[in-house]
């Protein structure tokens, strides 16, 4: 499970056997949600946050923090996805400790 970011205690990662659409998992204190990125003509047109089967979803402030993070770092997340799953490169972990 490549960990790509940590943002204010939310671990953002891919599972090693991921599938499209491009998505990441946000986890904090046993809660987990996923964010799917929809891309048209090379541009992110929508980000949908969804529940993960068998897990309780992020809620409240953690969910809002996850949403803010996704908006700010969407392009970087997609870039890391492509690097990892298409080009089979290692991706660098980044820890962000300030509110964006």
PDB file of N, CA and C in Angstrom:
ATOM      1  N   UNK A   1       0.843  -1.168   0.000  1.00  0.00           N
ATOM      2  CA  UNK A   1       0.000   0.000   0.000  1.00  0.00           C
ATOM      3  C   UNK A   1       0.895   1.240   0.000  1.00  0.00           C
ATOM      4  N   UNK A   2       1.124   1.828  -1.163  1.00  0.00           N
ATOM      5  CA  UNK A   2       1.948   3.042  -1.196  1.00  0.00           C
ATOM      6  C   UNK A   2       1.266   4.199  -0.474  1.00  0.00           C
ATOM      7  N   UNK A   3       1.949   4.729   0.507  1.00  0.00           N
ATOM      8  CA  UNK A   3       1.462   5.909   1.218  1.00  0.00           C
ATOM      9  C   UNK A   3       2.010   7.111   0.463  1.00  0.00           C
ATOM     10  N   UNK A   4       1.117   8.013   0.052  1.00  0.00           N
ATOM     11  CA  UNK A   4       1.593   9.129  -0.757  1.00  0.00           C
ATOM     12  C   UNK A   4       1.579  10.467  -0.021  1.00  0.00           C
ATOM     13  N   UNK A   5       0.642  10.630   0.904  1.00  0.00           N
ATOM     14  CA  UNK A   5       0.563  11.863   1.681  1.00  0.00           C
ATOM     15  C   UNK A   5       0.074  11.557   3.089  1.00  0.00           C
ATOM     16  N   UNK A   6       0.428  12.442   3.993  1.00  0.00           N
ATOM     17  CA  UNK A   6      -0.264  12.529   5.269  1.00  0.00           C
ATOM     18  C   UNK A   6      -0.617  14.002   5.429  1.00  0.00           C
ATOM     19  N   UNK A   7      -1.892  14.261   5.659  1.00  0.00           N
ATOM     20  CA  UNK A   7      -2.361  15.633   5.807  1.00  0.00           C
ATOM     21  C   UNK A   7      -3.153  15.749   7.103  1.00  0.00           C
ATOM     22  N   UNK A   8      -2.606  16.459   8.057  1.00  0.00           N
ATOM     23  CA  UNK A   8      -3.260  16.689   9.343  1.00  0.00           C
ATOM     24  C   UNK A   8      -3.805  15.394   9.952  1.00  0.00           C
ATOM     25  N   UNK A   9      -2.997  14.343   9.913  1.00  0.00           N
ATOM     26  CA  UNK A   9      -3.382  13.066  10.511  1.00  0.00           C
ATOM     27  C   UNK A   9      -4.186  12.149   9.605  1.00  0.00           C
ATOM     28  N   UNK A  10      -4.466  12.575   8.385  1.00  0.00           N
ATOM     29  CA  UNK A  10      -5.178  11.720   7.416  1.00  0.00           C
ATOM     30  C   UNK A  10      -4.128  11.099   6.501  1.00  0.00           C
ATOM     31  N   UNK A  11      -4.056   9.787   6.501  1.00  0.00           N
ATOM     32  CA  UNK A  11      -3.128   9.076   5.637  1.00  0.00           C
ATOM     33  C   UNK A  11      -3.803   8.881   4.284  1.00  0.00           C
ATOM     34  N   UNK A  12      -3.145   9.305   3.225  1.00  0.00           N
ATOM     35  CA  UNK A  12      -3.679   9.191   1.874  1.00  0.00           C
ATOM     36  C   UNK A  12      -2.805   8.195   1.128  1.00  0.00           C
ATOM     37  N   UNK A  13      -3.449   7.130   0.600  1.00  0.00           N
ATOM     38  CA  UNK A  13      -2.666   6.067  -0.031  1.00  0.00           C
ATOM     39  C   UNK A  13      -3.419   5.402  -1.177  1.00  0.00           C
ATOM     40  N   UNK A  14      -2.665   4.603  -1.927  1.00  0.00           N
ATOM     41  CA  UNK A  14      -3.219   3.705  -2.937  1.00  0.00           C
ATOM     42  C   UNK A  14      -3.136   2.303  -2.366  1.00  0.00           C
ATOM     43  N   UNK A  15      -3.991   1.416  -2.810  1.00  0.00           N
ATOM     44  CA  UNK A  15      -3.760  -0.004  -2.583  1.00  0.00           C
ATOM     45  C   UNK A  15      -2.950  -0.501  -3.770  1.00  0.00           C
ATOM     46  N   UNK A  16      -2.103  -1.473  -3.576  1.00  0.00           N
ATOM     47  CA  UNK A  16      -1.200  -1.930  -4.633  1.00  0.00           C
ATOM     48  C   UNK A  16      -1.920  -2.556  -5.819  1.00  0.00           C
ATOM     49  N   UNK A  17      -3.134  -3.017  -5.631  1.00  0.00           N
ATOM     50  CA  UNK A  17      -3.868  -3.676  -6.720  1.00  0.00           C
ATOM     51  C   UNK A  17      -5.033  -2.807  -7.195  1.00  0.00           C
ATOM     52  N   UNK A  18      -4.821  -1.509  -7.316  1.00  0.00           N
ATOM     53  CA  UNK A  18      -5.901  -0.583  -7.640  1.00  0.00           C
ATOM     54  C   UNK A  18      -6.435  -0.758  -9.052  1.00  0.00           C
ATOM     55  N   UNK A  19      -7.525  -0.098  -9.302  1.00  0.00           N
ATOM     56  CA  UNK A  19      -8.232  -0.150 -10.574  1.00  0.00           C
ATOM     57  C   UNK A  19      -8.723   1.256 -10.895  1.00  0.00           C
ATOM     58  N   UNK A  20      -9.151   1.455 -12.118  1.00  0.00           N
ATOM     59  CA  UNK A  20      -9.724   2.750 -12.472  1.00  0.00           C
ATOM     60  C   UNK A  20     -11.165   2.817 -12.009  1.00  0.00           C
ATOM     61  N   UNK A  21     -11.737   3.984 -11.789  1.00  0.00           N
ATOM     62  CA  UNK A  21     -11.112   5.278 -12.017  1.00  0.00           C
ATOM     63  C   UNK A  21      -9.993   5.549 -11.011  1.00  0.00           C
ATOM     64  N   UNK A  22      -9.132   6.478 -11.364  1.00  0.00           N
ATOM     65  CA  UNK A  22      -8.068   6.874 -10.453  1.00  0.00           C
ATOM     66  C   UNK A  22      -8.711   7.271  -9.130  1.00  0.00           C
ATOM     67  N   UNK A  23      -8.177   6.718  -8.048  1.00  0.00           N
ATOM     68  CA  UNK A  23      -8.713   7.067  -6.732  1.00  0.00           C
ATOM     69  C   UNK A  23      -7.670   6.853  -5.648  1.00  0.00           C
ATOM     70  N   UNK A  24      -7.913   7.502  -4.516  1.00  0.00           N
ATOM     71  CA  UNK A  24      -7.064   7.348  -3.339  1.00  0.00           C
ATOM     72  C   UNK A  24      -7.950   7.064  -2.141  1.00  0.00           C
ATOM     73  N   UNK A  25      -7.338   6.511  -1.117  1.00  0.00           N
ATOM     74  CA  UNK A  25      -8.029   6.223   0.137  1.00  0.00           C
ATOM     75  C   UNK A  25      -7.508   7.184   1.193  1.00  0.00           C
ATOM     76  N   UNK A  26      -8.424   7.765   1.954  1.00  0.00           N
ATOM     77  CA  UNK A  26      -8.070   8.626   3.074  1.00  0.00           C
ATOM     78  C   UNK A  26      -8.459   7.915   4.361  1.00  0.00           C
ATOM     79  N   UNK A  27      -7.501   7.758   5.276  1.00  0.00           N
ATOM     80  CA  UNK A  27      -7.731   7.000   6.505  1.00  0.00           C
ATOM     81  C   UNK A  27      -7.296   7.798   7.729  1.00  0.00           C
ATOM     82  N   UNK A  28      -8.121   7.721   8.768  1.00  0.00           N
ATOM     83  CA  UNK A  28      -7.788   8.369  10.027  1.00  0.00           C
ATOM     84  C   UNK A  28      -8.558   7.700  11.154  1.00  0.00           C
ATOM     85  N   UNK A  29      -7.834   7.266  12.173  1.00  0.00           N
ATOM     86  CA  UNK A  29      -8.443   6.679  13.378  1.00  0.00           C
ATOM     87  C   UNK A  29      -9.444   5.568  13.058  1.00  0.00           C
ATOM     88  N   UNK A  30      -9.098   4.680  12.138  1.00  0.00           N
ATOM     89  CA  UNK A  30      -9.954   3.547  11.805  1.00  0.00           C
ATOM     90  C   UNK A  30     -11.080   3.869  10.836  1.00  0.00           C
ATOM     91  N   UNK A  31     -11.203   5.125  10.421  1.00  0.00           N
ATOM     92  CA  UNK A  31     -12.216   5.519   9.443  1.00  0.00           C
ATOM     93  C   UNK A  31     -11.553   5.596   8.071  1.00  0.00           C
ATOM     94  N   UNK A  32     -12.345   5.345   7.015  1.00  0.00           N
ATOM     95  CA  UNK A  32     -11.765   5.366   5.673  1.00  0.00           C
ATOM     96  C   UNK A  32     -12.812   5.769   4.640  1.00  0.00           C
ATOM     97  N   UNK A  33     -12.413   6.663   3.756  1.00  0.00           N
ATOM     98  CA  UNK A  33     -13.216   7.048   2.595  1.00  0.00           C
ATOM     99  C   UNK A  33     -12.300   7.010   1.383  1.00  0.00           C
ATOM    100  N   UNK A  34     -12.893   6.952   0.198  1.00  0.00           N
ATOM    101  CA  UNK A  34     -12.067   7.027  -0.997  1.00  0.00           C
ATOM    102  C   UNK A  34     -12.547   8.178  -1.860  1.00  0.00           C
ATOM    103  N   UNK A  35     -11.625   8.704  -2.656  1.00  0.00           N
ATOM    104  CA  UNK A  35     -11.931   9.807  -3.563  1.00  0.00           C
ATOM    105  C   UNK A  35     -11.605   9.355  -4.978  1.00  0.00           C
ATOM    106  N   UNK A  36     -12.609   9.415  -5.848  1.00  0.00           N
ATOM    107  CA  UNK A  36     -12.429   9.036  -7.249  1.00  0.00           C
ATOM    108  C   UNK A  36     -12.282  10.296  -8.090  1.00  0.00           C
ATOM    109  N   UNK A  37     -11.327  10.268  -9.017  1.00  0.00           N
ATOM    110  CA  UNK A  37     -11.042  11.398  -9.887  1.00  0.00           C
ATOM    111  C   UNK A  37     -11.532  11.068 -11.294  1.00  0.00           C
ATOM    112  N   UNK A  38     -12.383  11.937 -11.823  1.00  0.00           N
ATOM    113  CA  UNK A  38     -12.908  11.758 -13.173  1.00  0.00           C
ATOM    114  C   UNK A  38     -12.218  12.770 -14.078  1.00  0.00           C
ATOM    115  N   UNK A  39     -11.630  12.265 -15.160  1.00  0.00           N
ATOM    116  CA  UNK A  39     -10.783  13.070 -16.028  1.00  0.00           C
ATOM    117  C   UNK A  39     -11.337  13.030 -17.444  1.00  0.00           C
ATOM    118  N   UNK A  40     -11.490  14.206 -18.035  1.00  0.00           N
ATOM    119  CA  UNK A  40     -11.953  14.332 -19.414  1.00  0.00           C
ATOM    120  C   UNK A  40     -10.956  15.222 -20.150  1.00  0.00           C
ATOM    121  N   UNK A  41     -10.449  14.724 -21.273  1.00  0.00           N
ATOM    122  CA  UNK A  41      -9.475  15.479 -22.075  1.00  0.00           C
ATOM    123  C   UNK A  41      -8.298  15.979 -21.242  1.00  0.00           C
ATOM    124  N   UNK A  42      -7.820  15.129 -20.339  1.00  0.00           N
ATOM    125  CA  UNK A  42      -6.648  15.461 -19.541  1.00  0.00           C
ATOM    126  C   UNK A  42      -6.890  16.399 -18.378  1.00  0.00           C
ATOM    127  N   UNK A  43      -8.134  16.758 -18.103  1.00  0.00           N
ATOM    128  CA  UNK A  43      -8.454  17.656 -16.994  1.00  0.00           C
ATOM    129  C   UNK A  43      -9.368  16.957 -15.998  1.00  0.00           C
ATOM    130  N   UNK A  44      -9.105  17.177 -14.723  1.00  0.00           N
ATOM    131  CA  UNK A  44      -9.971  16.636 -13.681  1.00  0.00           C
ATOM    132  C   UNK A  44     -11.273  17.423 -13.711  1.00  0.00           C
ATOM    133  N   UNK A  45     -12.371  16.730 -13.971  1.00  0.00           N
ATOM    134  CA  UNK A  45     -13.666  17.394 -14.064  1.00  0.00           C
ATOM    135  C   UNK A  45     -14.500  17.223 -12.803  1.00  0.00           C
ATOM    136  N   UNK A  46     -14.182  16.180 -12.033  1.00  0.00           N
ATOM    137  CA  UNK A  46     -14.974  15.909 -10.832  1.00  0.00           C
ATOM    138  C   UNK A  46     -14.186  15.022  -9.882  1.00  0.00           C
ATOM    139  N   UNK A  47     -14.391  15.239  -8.597  1.00  0.00           N
ATOM    140  CA  UNK A  47     -13.846  14.372  -7.552  1.00  0.00           C
ATOM    141  C   UNK A  47     -15.029  13.937  -6.705  1.00  0.00           C
ATOM    142  N   UNK A  48     -15.242  12.621  -6.625  1.00  0.00           N
ATOM    143  CA  UNK A  48     -16.345  12.083  -5.821  1.00  0.00           C
ATOM    144  C   UNK A  48     -15.778  11.342  -4.624  1.00  0.00           C
ATOM    145  N   UNK A  49     -16.265  11.693  -3.441  1.00  0.00           N
ATOM    146  CA  UNK A  49     -15.874  10.972  -2.234  1.00  0.00           C
ATOM    147  C   UNK A  49     -16.919   9.901  -1.979  1.00  0.00           C
ATOM    148  N   UNK A  50     -16.419   8.676  -1.787  1.00  0.00           N
ATOM    149  CA  UNK A  50     -17.311   7.540  -1.608  1.00  0.00           C
ATOM    150  C   UNK A  50     -16.921   6.741  -0.370  1.00  0.00           C
ATOM    151  N   UNK A  51     -17.878   5.962   0.119  1.00  0.00           N
ATOM    152  CA  UNK A  51     -17.611   5.051   1.230  1.00  0.00           C
ATOM    153  C   UNK A  51     -16.810   3.862   0.721  1.00  0.00           C
ATOM    154  N   UNK A  52     -16.094   3.227   1.624  1.00  0.00           N
ATOM    155  CA  UNK A  52     -15.348   2.009   1.339  1.00  0.00           C
ATOM    156  C   UNK A  52     -16.104   0.863   1.997  1.00  0.00           C
ATOM    157  N   UNK A  53     -16.421  -0.149   1.218  1.00  0.00           N
ATOM    158  CA  UNK A  53     -17.186  -1.292   1.719  1.00  0.00           C
ATOM    159  C   UNK A  53     -16.511  -1.884   2.955  1.00  0.00           C
ATOM    160  N   UNK A  54     -17.303  -2.064   4.004  1.00  0.00           N
ATOM    161  CA  UNK A  54     -16.804  -2.674   5.231  1.00  0.00           C
ATOM    162  C   UNK A  54     -16.077  -1.720   6.164  1.00  0.00           C
ATOM    163  N   UNK A  55     -16.022  -0.438   5.822  1.00  0.00           N
ATOM    164  CA  UNK A  55     -15.335   0.554   6.657  1.00  0.00           C
ATOM    165  C   UNK A  55     -16.295   1.689   6.998  1.00  0.00           C
ATOM    166  N   UNK A  56     -16.082   2.300   8.145  1.00  0.00           N
ATOM    167  CA  UNK A  56     -16.843   3.487   8.509  1.00  0.00           C
ATOM    168  C   UNK A  56     -16.157   4.681   7.835  1.00  0.00           C
ATOM    169  N   UNK A  57     -16.930   5.585   7.218  1.00  0.00           N
ATOM    170  CA  UNK A  57     -16.333   6.702   6.475  1.00  0.00           C
ATOM    171  C   UNK A  57     -15.827   7.828   7.371  1.00  0.00           C
ATOM    172  N   UNK A  58     -14.925   8.614   6.795  1.00  0.00           N
ATOM    173  CA  UNK A  58     -14.499   9.843   7.460  1.00  0.00           C
ATOM    174  C   UNK A  58     -15.724  10.734   7.667  1.00  0.00           C
ATOM    175  N   UNK A  59     -15.745  11.473   8.753  1.00  0.00           N
ATOM    176  CA  UNK A  59     -16.876  12.356   9.043  1.00  0.00           C
ATOM    177  C   UNK A  59     -16.366  13.676   9.596  1.00  0.00           C
ATOM    178  N   UNK A  60     -17.261  14.635   9.688  1.00  0.00           N
ATOM    179  CA  UNK A  60     -16.983  15.904  10.353  1.00  0.00           C
ATOM    180  C   UNK A  60     -15.752  16.613   9.832  1.00  0.00           C
ATOM    181  N   UNK A  61     -14.923  17.086  10.751  1.00  0.00           N
ATOM    182  CA  UNK A  61     -13.736  17.865  10.397  1.00  0.00           C
ATOM    183  C   UNK A  61     -12.767  17.068   9.544  1.00  0.00           C
ATOM    184  N   UNK A  62     -12.592  15.790   9.826  1.00  0.00           N
ATOM    185  CA  UNK A  62     -11.665  14.972   9.037  1.00  0.00           C
ATOM    186  C   UNK A  62     -12.135  14.870   7.588  1.00  0.00           C
ATOM    187  N   UNK A  63     -13.434  14.732   7.371  1.00  0.00           N
ATOM    188  CA  UNK A  63     -13.964  14.678   6.016  1.00  0.00           C
ATOM    189  C   UNK A  63     -13.748  16.015   5.310  1.00  0.00           C
ATOM    190  N   UNK A  64     -14.000  17.116   5.994  1.00  0.00           N
ATOM    191  CA  UNK A  64     -13.793  18.445   5.400  1.00  0.00           C
ATOM    192  C   UNK A  64     -12.316  18.672   5.080  1.00  0.00           C
ATOM    193  N   UNK A  65     -11.426  18.248   5.980  1.00  0.00           N
ATOM    194  CA  UNK A  65      -9.989  18.370   5.727  1.00  0.00           C
ATOM    195  C   UNK A  65      -9.588  17.541   4.503  1.00  0.00           C
ATOM    196  N   UNK A  66     -10.133  16.332   4.382  1.00  0.00           N
ATOM    197  CA  UNK A  66      -9.852  15.464   3.237  1.00  0.00           C
ATOM    198  C   UNK A  66     -10.322  16.137   1.949  1.00  0.00           C
ATOM    199  N   UNK A  67     -11.515  16.707   1.952  1.00  0.00           N
ATOM    200  CA  UNK A  67     -12.053  17.388   0.774  1.00  0.00           C
ATOM    201  C   UNK A  67     -11.166  18.573   0.372  1.00  0.00           C
ATOM    202  N   UNK A  68     -10.742  19.374   1.346  1.00  0.00           N
ATOM    203  CA  UNK A  68      -9.859  20.516   1.059  1.00  0.00           C
ATOM    204  C   UNK A  68      -8.535  20.047   0.475  1.00  0.00           C
ATOM    205  N   UNK A  69      -7.982  19.005   1.070  1.00  0.00           N
ATOM    206  CA  UNK A  69      -6.725  18.450   0.583  1.00  0.00           C
ATOM    207  C   UNK A  69      -6.868  17.986  -0.863  1.00  0.00           C
ATOM    208  N   UNK A  70      -7.939  17.277  -1.171  1.00  0.00           N
ATOM    209  CA  UNK A  70      -8.148  16.760  -2.526  1.00  0.00           C
ATOM    210  C   UNK A  70      -8.227  17.890  -3.544  1.00  0.00           C
ATOM    211  N   UNK A  71      -8.921  18.956  -3.206  1.00  0.00           N
ATOM    212  CA  UNK A  71      -9.032  20.091  -4.130  1.00  0.00           C
ATOM    213  C   UNK A  71      -7.663  20.713  -4.410  1.00  0.00           C
ATOM    214  N   UNK A  72      -6.867  20.860  -3.378  1.00  0.00           N
ATOM    215  CA  UNK A  72      -5.561  21.514  -3.505  1.00  0.00           C
ATOM    216  C   UNK A  72      -4.524  20.615  -4.191  1.00  0.00           C
ATOM    217  N   UNK A  73      -4.563  19.310  -3.935  1.00  0.00           N
ATOM    218  CA  UNK A  73      -3.519  18.402  -4.401  1.00  0.00           C
ATOM    219  C   UNK A  73      -3.981  17.422  -5.482  1.00  0.00           C
ATOM    220  N   UNK A  74      -5.121  17.659  -6.093  1.00  0.00           N
ATOM    221  CA  UNK A  74      -5.677  16.721  -7.074  1.00  0.00           C
ATOM    222  C   UNK A  74      -4.700  16.396  -8.199  1.00  0.00           C
ATOM    223  N   UNK A  75      -4.094  17.401  -8.800  1.00  0.00           N
ATOM    224  CA  UNK A  75      -3.180  17.150  -9.921  1.00  0.00           C
ATOM    225  C   UNK A  75      -1.971  16.331  -9.485  1.00  0.00           C
ATOM    226  N   UNK A  76      -1.469  16.615  -8.309  1.00  0.00           N
ATOM    227  CA  UNK A  76      -0.309  15.878  -7.791  1.00  0.00           C
ATOM    228  C   UNK A  76      -0.680  14.424  -7.484  1.00  0.00           C
ATOM    229  N   UNK A  77      -1.893  14.201  -6.983  1.00  0.00           N
ATOM    230  CA  UNK A  77      -2.366  12.842  -6.703  1.00  0.00           C
ATOM    231  C   UNK A  77      -2.442  12.042  -8.002  1.00  0.00           C
ATOM    232  N   UNK A  78      -3.042  12.633  -9.034  1.00  0.00           N
ATOM    233  CA  UNK A  78      -3.164  11.950 -10.324  1.00  0.00           C
ATOM    234  C   UNK A  78      -1.780  11.665 -10.902  1.00  0.00           C
ATOM    235  N   UNK A  79      -0.878  12.615 -10.783  1.00  0.00           N
ATOM    236  CA  UNK A  79       0.496  12.417 -11.261  1.00  0.00           C
ATOM    237  C   UNK A  79       1.153  11.232 -10.555  1.00  0.00           C
ATOM    238  N   UNK A  80       0.985  11.139  -9.234  1.00  0.00           N
ATOM    239  CA  UNK A  80       1.578  10.024  -8.487  1.00  0.00           C
ATOM    240  C   UNK A  80       0.931   8.696  -8.882  1.00  0.00           C
ATOM    241  N   UNK A  81      -0.385   8.697  -9.127  1.00  0.00           N
ATOM    242  CA  UNK A  81      -1.077   7.487  -9.571  1.00  0.00           C
ATOM    243  C   UNK A  81      -0.459   6.986 -10.878  1.00  0.00           C
ATOM    244  N   UNK A  82      -0.326   7.892 -11.832  1.00  0.00           N
ATOM    245  CA  UNK A  82       0.219   7.521 -13.148  1.00  0.00           C
ATOM    246  C   UNK A  82       1.651   7.040 -13.002  1.00  0.00           C
ATOM    247  N   UNK A  83       2.464   7.741 -12.234  1.00  0.00           N
ATOM    248  CA  UNK A  83       3.842   7.307 -12.012  1.00  0.00           C
ATOM    249  C   UNK A  83       3.882   5.891 -11.451  1.00  0.00           C
ATOM    250  N   UNK A  84       3.044   5.615 -10.471  1.00  0.00           N
ATOM    251  CA  UNK A  84       3.089   4.315  -9.799  1.00  0.00           C
ATOM    252  C   UNK A  84       2.488   3.185 -10.637  1.00  0.00           C
ATOM    253  N   UNK A  85       1.280   3.405 -11.162  1.00  0.00           N
ATOM    254  CA  UNK A  85       0.573   2.318 -11.832  1.00  0.00           C
ATOM    255  C   UNK A  85       0.883   2.195 -13.319  1.00  0.00           C
ATOM    256  N   UNK A  86       1.253   3.275 -13.983  1.00  0.00           N
ATOM    257  CA  UNK A  86       1.553   3.219 -15.415  1.00  0.00           C
ATOM    258  C   UNK A  86       3.048   3.054 -15.648  1.00  0.00           C
ATOM    259  N   UNK A  87       3.853   3.912 -15.005  1.00  0.00           N
ATOM    260  CA  UNK A  87       5.298   3.892 -15.227  1.00  0.00           C
ATOM    261  C   UNK A  87       6.054   3.026 -14.228  1.00  0.00           C
ATOM    262  N   UNK A  88       5.355   2.480 -13.238  1.00  0.00           N
ATOM    263  CA  UNK A  88       5.950   1.597 -12.225  1.00  0.00           C
ATOM    264  C   UNK A  88       7.129   2.247 -11.499  1.00  0.00           C
ATOM    265  N   UNK A  89       6.967   3.525 -11.205  1.00  0.00           N
ATOM    266  CA  UNK A  89       7.975   4.264 -10.449  1.00  0.00           C
ATOM    267  C   UNK A  89       7.603   4.249  -8.968  1.00  0.00           C
ATOM    268  N   UNK A  90       8.606   4.422  -8.128  1.00  0.00           N
ATOM    269  CA  UNK A  90       8.339   4.659  -6.711  1.00  0.00           C
ATOM    270  C   UNK A  90       7.786   6.075  -6.576  1.00  0.00           C
ATOM    271  N   UNK A  91       6.874   6.272  -5.631  1.00  0.00           N
ATOM    272  CA  UNK A  91       6.334   7.610  -5.394  1.00  0.00           C
ATOM    273  C   UNK A  91       6.781   8.091  -4.027  1.00  0.00           C
ATOM    274  N   UNK A  92       7.060   9.370  -3.959  1.00  0.00           N
ATOM    275  CA  UNK A  92       7.566   9.958  -2.733  1.00  0.00           C
ATOM    276  C   UNK A  92       6.427  10.281  -1.769  1.00  0.00           C
ATOM    277  N   UNK A  93       6.616   9.945  -0.508  1.00  0.00           N
ATOM    278  CA  UNK A  93       5.679  10.264   0.552  1.00  0.00           C
ATOM    279  C   UNK A  93       5.893  11.715   0.986  1.00  0.00           C
ATOM    280  N   UNK A  94       4.803  12.453   1.184  1.00  0.00           N
ATOM    281  CA  UNK A  94       4.882  13.838   1.637  1.00  0.00           C
ATOM    282  C   UNK A  94       3.987  14.016   2.849  1.00  0.00           C
ATOM    283  N   UNK A  95       4.549  14.626   3.883  1.00  0.00           N
ATOM    284  CA  UNK A  95       3.772  14.912   5.093  1.00  0.00           C
ATOM    285  C   UNK A  95       3.496  16.407   5.154  1.00  0.00           C
ATOM    286  N   UNK A  96       2.220  16.765   5.246  1.00  0.00           N
ATOM    287  CA  UNK A  96       1.796  18.159   5.285  1.00  0.00           C
ATOM    288  C   UNK A  96       1.193  18.407   6.660  1.00  0.00           C
ATOM    289  N   UNK A  97       1.794  19.313   7.402  1.00  0.00           N
ATOM    290  CA  UNK A  97       1.385  19.515   8.795  1.00  0.00           C
ATOM    291  C   UNK A  97       0.678  20.842   9.022  1.00  0.00           C
ATOM    292  N   UNK A  98       0.510  21.630   7.950  1.00  0.00           N
ATOM    293  CA  UNK A  98      -0.187  22.909   8.106  1.00  0.00           C
ATOM    294  C   UNK A  98      -1.519  22.853   7.356  1.00  0.00           C
ATOM    295  N   UNK A  99      -2.493  23.540   7.888  1.00  0.00           N
ATOM    296  CA  UNK A  99      -3.826  23.574   7.264  1.00  0.00           C
ATOM    297  C   UNK A  99      -3.747  24.377   5.981  1.00  0.00           C
ATOM    298  N   UNK A 100      -4.318  23.830   4.900  1.00  0.00           N
ATOM    299  CA  UNK A 100      -4.301  24.541   3.621  1.00  0.00           C
ATOM    300  C   UNK A 100      -5.614  25.248   3.358  1.00  0.00           C
TER     301      UNK A 100
END
